[in-house]
Amino acid sequence: MGLTVSAQAYADEERDAYTASCRTSVNGSRVTAYCHNPYPHTDRVQLHVECDRWWDIDSDSAPVEVAPTAYAELTERCWKEVRTAWITHESVPD
């Protein structure tokens, strides 16, 4: 039983390494993320944007599933300046 659990943990760690390749671009107050998934497993990506002004509302895009060999483009914006933007990844069960 310990062997099976150990093998499963290794398989999960290995799968987490295969996430879509994403890059972000900031143009004024708009952030765009471009993601491509070259791997054989679906990856769920989400864009998160933190705005610079204290009164400007931070935003998160809807999660998007990027299938093997697929491409996705996500956009969000602030009213004024963008402080930071990042992408999160989540494995989608087969």
Protein backbone atom coordinates (compact mmCIF):
# COMPACT_ATOMS: atom_id res chain seq x y z
CA MET A 1 0.00 0.00 0.00
CA GLY A 2 2.87 2.41 0.78
CA LEU A 3 4.25 1.71 -2.68
CA THR A 4 0.99 2.65 -4.39
CA VAL A 5 0.62 5.89 -2.45
CA SER A 6 4.24 6.75 -3.17
CA ALA A 7 3.81 6.07 -6.88
CA GLN A 8 0.64 8.20 -6.98
CA ALA A 9 2.38 11.10 -5.25
CA TYR A 10 5.22 10.94 -7.79
CA ALA A 11 2.75 10.89 -10.70
CA ASP A 12 0.95 13.99 -9.32
CA GLU A 13 4.24 15.90 -8.88
CA GLU A 14 5.30 14.99 -12.41
CA ARG A 15 1.98 16.13 -13.87
CA ASP A 16 2.16 19.49 -12.05
CA ALA A 17 5.37 20.24 -13.95
CA TYR A 18 3.46 20.15 -17.26
CA THR A 19 1.52 23.40 -17.26
CA ALA A 20 0.68 25.69 -20.14
CA SER A 21 3.29 28.23 -21.10
CA CYS A 22 1.92 31.73 -20.45
CA ARG A 23 3.19 35.27 -20.88
CA THR A 24 1.55 38.54 -19.89
CA SER A 25 1.54 41.90 -21.58
CA VAL A 26 0.55 45.20 -19.93
CA ASN A 27 -0.65 47.99 -22.19
CA GLY A 28 -1.73 50.99 -20.11
CA SER A 29 -4.39 49.69 -17.74
CA ARG A 30 -5.14 46.50 -19.71
CA VAL A 31 -3.43 43.15 -19.09
CA THR A 32 -3.49 40.32 -21.62
CA ALA A 33 -2.23 36.80 -20.98
CA TYR A 34 -1.32 34.50 -23.85
CA CYS A 35 -1.21 30.79 -22.96
CA HIS A 36 -0.25 27.78 -25.06
CA ASN A 37 -0.43 24.20 -23.81
CA PRO A 38 2.05 21.89 -25.59
CA TYR A 39 1.42 19.02 -23.15
CA PRO A 40 -1.01 16.06 -23.41
CA HIS A 41 -3.08 17.14 -20.36
CA THR A 42 -5.59 19.97 -20.03
CA ASP A 43 -4.50 22.92 -17.87
CA ARG A 44 -6.94 25.38 -16.27
CA VAL A 45 -5.46 28.90 -16.24
CA GLN A 46 -6.66 32.10 -14.61
CA LEU A 47 -5.37 35.67 -14.88
CA HIS A 48 -5.12 37.77 -11.70
CA VAL A 49 -4.57 41.54 -11.78
CA GLU A 50 -3.71 43.77 -8.83
CA CYS A 51 -4.30 47.46 -9.44
CA ASP A 52 -1.96 50.18 -8.14
CA ARG A 53 -4.54 52.61 -6.71
CA TRP A 54 -6.11 51.67 -3.36
CA TRP A 55 -9.62 52.45 -4.67
CA ASP A 56 -9.19 50.51 -7.92
CA ILE A 57 -10.76 47.04 -7.79
CA ASP A 58 -8.43 44.07 -8.35
CA SER A 59 -9.79 41.47 -10.74
CA ASP A 60 -9.57 37.78 -11.63
CA SER A 61 -10.57 36.36 -14.98
CA ALA A 62 -12.83 33.37 -15.30
CA PRO A 63 -10.84 30.11 -15.31
CA VAL A 64 -10.19 28.84 -18.84
CA GLU A 65 -9.35 25.24 -19.74
CA VAL A 66 -6.51 25.02 -22.23
CA ALA A 67 -6.63 21.64 -23.94
CA PRO A 68 -3.54 19.89 -25.32
CA THR A 69 -2.03 21.91 -28.21
CA ALA A 70 -4.60 24.69 -27.63
CA TYR A 71 -4.12 28.43 -27.17
CA ALA A 72 -6.01 30.85 -24.89
CA GLU A 73 -6.01 34.60 -24.48
CA LEU A 74 -7.29 36.20 -21.25
CA THR A 75 -7.75 39.92 -20.54
CA GLU A 76 -8.50 42.03 -17.48
CA ARG A 77 -8.03 45.68 -16.66
CA CYS A 78 -7.73 48.34 -13.99
CA TRP A 79 -9.20 51.81 -14.17
CA LYS A 80 -5.74 53.30 -13.73
CA GLU A 81 -2.31 51.70 -13.33
CA VAL A 82 -1.57 47.99 -12.98
CA ARG A 83 0.61 47.01 -10.00
CA THR A 84 1.12 43.34 -10.87
CA ALA A 85 -0.39 40.49 -12.85
CA TRP A 86 0.08 36.73 -12.63
CA ILE A 87 -1.32 33.45 -13.90
CA THR A 88 -2.38 30.47 -11.81
CA HIS A 89 -2.57 26.90 -13.11
CA GLU A 90 -4.77 24.02 -12.02
CA SER A 91 -4.66 20.46 -13.32
CA VAL A 92 -7.86 19.20 -14.88
CA PRO A 93 -8.57 15.54 -14.09
CA ASP A 94 -8.69 13.24 -17.11
